[in-house]
Amino acid sequence: MSAHTDRYENAVARYFEAWNAPGAEALAKAVAAAWAVDGGYTDPLAEVRGHEHIAALITAARAQFPGFAFRLTGAVDGHHDTARFSWELVSEAEDSSAGGVSAPVAGSDVITLDAQDRITSVLGFLDRVPA
């Protein structure tokens, strides 16, 4: 079972590396490592396919929240080629142990993996958004 668990956790770790990549070059590499060539990303605000479009979406999302990073909340749950997990956007300046500061954005994603453990699709749900 642990080999399977590692598969999902590793894929999700690569996903967050892409979302938190520092700069365009690192982002392009991280997206290529996380997603299949024709992989997609869909949430209530966007629907894109392909590395270039995914990178552009991440860049735009990060630009809306400078100084924030995406963090996994809770455990990664997976079966077959599918995993689900929750995340929140947290201020990189805040000490996460301080508590009391609510993340402005939080969500849950379901990802599908191919045989190489690259993401073929992301279905994102926004659980909390700024007013």
Protein backbone atom coordinates (compact mmCIF):
# COMPACT_ATOMS: atom_id res chain seq x y z
CA MET A 1 0.00 0.00 0.00
CA SER A 2 2.81 2.46 0.81
CA ALA A 3 4.11 2.37 -2.77
CA HIS A 4 0.66 3.47 -3.93
CA THR A 5 0.49 6.16 -1.26
CA ASP A 6 3.90 7.46 -2.33
CA ARG A 7 2.66 7.67 -5.91
CA TYR A 8 -0.11 10.08 -4.97
CA GLU A 9 1.94 12.08 -2.48
CA ASN A 10 4.81 12.47 -4.97
CA ALA A 11 2.43 13.63 -7.71
CA VAL A 12 0.84 16.16 -5.35
CA ALA A 13 4.28 17.36 -4.21
CA ARG A 14 5.22 18.02 -7.86
CA TYR A 15 1.89 19.83 -8.31
CA PHE A 16 2.67 22.20 -5.43
CA GLU A 17 6.23 22.70 -6.73
CA ALA A 18 4.64 24.05 -9.91
CA TRP A 19 2.19 26.30 -8.07
CA ASN A 20 4.99 27.69 -5.88
CA ALA A 21 7.77 27.83 -8.50
CA PRO A 22 9.95 30.97 -8.26
CA GLY A 23 10.04 32.49 -11.73
CA ALA A 24 9.13 31.53 -15.29
CA GLU A 25 11.96 29.06 -15.95
CA ALA A 26 11.41 27.12 -12.72
CA LEU A 27 7.67 27.17 -13.38
CA ALA A 28 8.05 25.75 -16.90
CA LYS A 29 10.25 22.92 -15.58
CA ALA A 30 7.90 22.19 -12.67
CA VAL A 31 4.81 22.11 -14.90
CA ALA A 32 6.57 19.74 -17.32
CA ALA A 33 7.54 17.49 -14.40
CA ALA A 34 4.03 17.46 -12.91
CA TRP A 35 1.73 17.32 -15.93
CA ALA A 36 1.45 15.07 -18.97
CA VAL A 37 2.08 16.95 -22.24
CA ASP A 38 -1.65 17.20 -22.97
CA GLY A 39 -2.60 17.51 -19.30
CA GLY A 40 -5.33 19.87 -18.24
CA TYR A 41 -6.52 22.04 -15.38
CA THR A 42 -10.15 22.98 -14.70
CA ASP A 43 -11.65 24.97 -11.83
CA PRO A 44 -14.66 27.31 -11.57
CA LEU A 45 -12.62 30.17 -13.07
CA ALA A 46 -10.53 28.47 -15.73
CA GLU A 47 -10.19 25.56 -18.13
CA VAL A 48 -6.81 25.09 -19.81
CA ARG A 49 -4.81 22.32 -21.46
CA GLY A 50 -1.10 21.98 -22.21
CA HIS A 51 2.02 23.03 -20.32
CA GLU A 52 2.15 26.59 -21.69
CA HIS A 53 -1.45 27.36 -20.75
CA ILE A 54 -1.12 25.75 -17.31
CA ALA A 55 2.01 27.83 -16.62
CA ALA A 56 0.19 31.01 -17.74
CA LEU A 57 -2.75 30.19 -15.44
CA ILE A 58 -0.43 29.64 -12.47
CA THR A 59 1.43 32.89 -13.22
CA ALA A 60 -1.85 34.83 -13.32
CA ALA A 61 -3.12 33.26 -10.09
CA ARG A 62 0.15 33.99 -8.29
CA ALA A 63 0.11 37.60 -9.53
CA GLN A 64 -3.25 38.11 -7.76
CA PHE A 65 -1.72 37.05 -4.43
CA PRO A 66 1.92 38.22 -4.26
CA GLY A 67 3.75 36.93 -1.21
CA PHE A 68 1.44 33.94 -0.84
CA ALA A 69 2.16 30.25 -1.35
CA PHE A 70 -0.02 27.20 -1.88
CA ARG A 71 0.14 24.63 0.92
CA LEU A 72 -1.33 21.17 1.32
CA THR A 73 -3.83 20.87 4.15
CA GLY A 74 -4.44 17.40 5.51
CA ALA A 75 -3.57 14.12 3.84
CA VAL A 76 -3.55 13.05 0.20
CA ASP A 77 -6.17 10.37 -0.50
CA GLY A 78 -5.87 8.22 -3.60
CA HIS A 79 -7.02 5.10 -5.42
CA HIS A 80 -6.41 3.75 -8.92
CA ASP A 81 -5.15 6.70 -11.02
CA THR A 82 -6.94 9.34 -8.95
CA ALA A 83 -6.04 11.38 -5.88
CA ARG A 84 -7.76 14.14 -3.94
CA PHE A 85 -6.39 16.69 -1.52
CA SER A 86 -7.11 20.08 -0.01
CA TRP A 87 -4.96 23.19 -0.05
CA GLU A 88 -4.88 26.77 1.10
CA LEU A 89 -3.12 29.92 0.08
CA VAL A 90 -0.99 31.22 2.95
CA SER A 91 1.11 34.33 3.40
CA GLU A 92 4.80 33.43 3.18
CA ALA A 93 5.50 36.19 5.72
CA GLU A 94 3.16 34.70 8.32
CA ASP A 95 4.52 32.15 10.74
CA SER A 96 2.10 29.28 10.19
CA SER A 97 2.47 28.26 13.84
CA ALA A 98 1.12 31.65 14.97
CA GLY A 99 -2.41 30.66 13.95
CA GLY A 100 -5.40 32.93 13.81
CA VAL A 101 -4.72 34.07 10.25
CA SER A 102 -7.23 32.62 7.84
CA ALA A 103 -6.05 31.82 4.33
CA PRO A 104 -7.84 34.01 1.77
CA VAL A 105 -8.29 31.12 -0.64
CA ALA A 106 -8.71 27.42 0.04
CA GLY A 107 -9.81 24.56 -2.14
CA SER A 108 -9.89 20.89 -2.93
CA ASP A 109 -8.54 19.26 -6.06
CA VAL A 110 -8.98 15.87 -7.69
CA ILE A 111 -6.15 14.82 -9.99
CA THR A 112 -5.90 11.95 -12.47
CA LEU A 113 -2.49 10.40 -13.21
CA ASP A 114 -1.15 8.59 -16.26
CA ALA A 115 1.11 5.51 -16.23
CA GLN A 116 4.16 7.79 -15.69
CA ASP A 117 2.44 9.41 -12.67
CA ARG A 118 2.06 12.69 -14.52
CA ILE A 119 -1.17 14.62 -14.14
CA THR A 120 -3.62 14.26 -17.02
CA SER A 121 -6.35 16.32 -15.39
CA VAL A 122 -7.01 18.52 -12.39
CA LEU A 123 -10.55 19.25 -11.26
CA GLY A 124 -10.34 22.09 -8.78
CA PHE A 125 -12.99 23.28 -6.35
CA LEU A 126 -12.78 26.57 -4.48
CA ASP A 127 -13.92 26.12 -0.89
CA ARG A 128 -13.12 29.67 0.21
CA VAL A 129 -12.54 32.80 -1.87
CA PRO A 130 -12.08 36.48 -0.92
CA ALA A 131 -15.29 38.49 -0.70
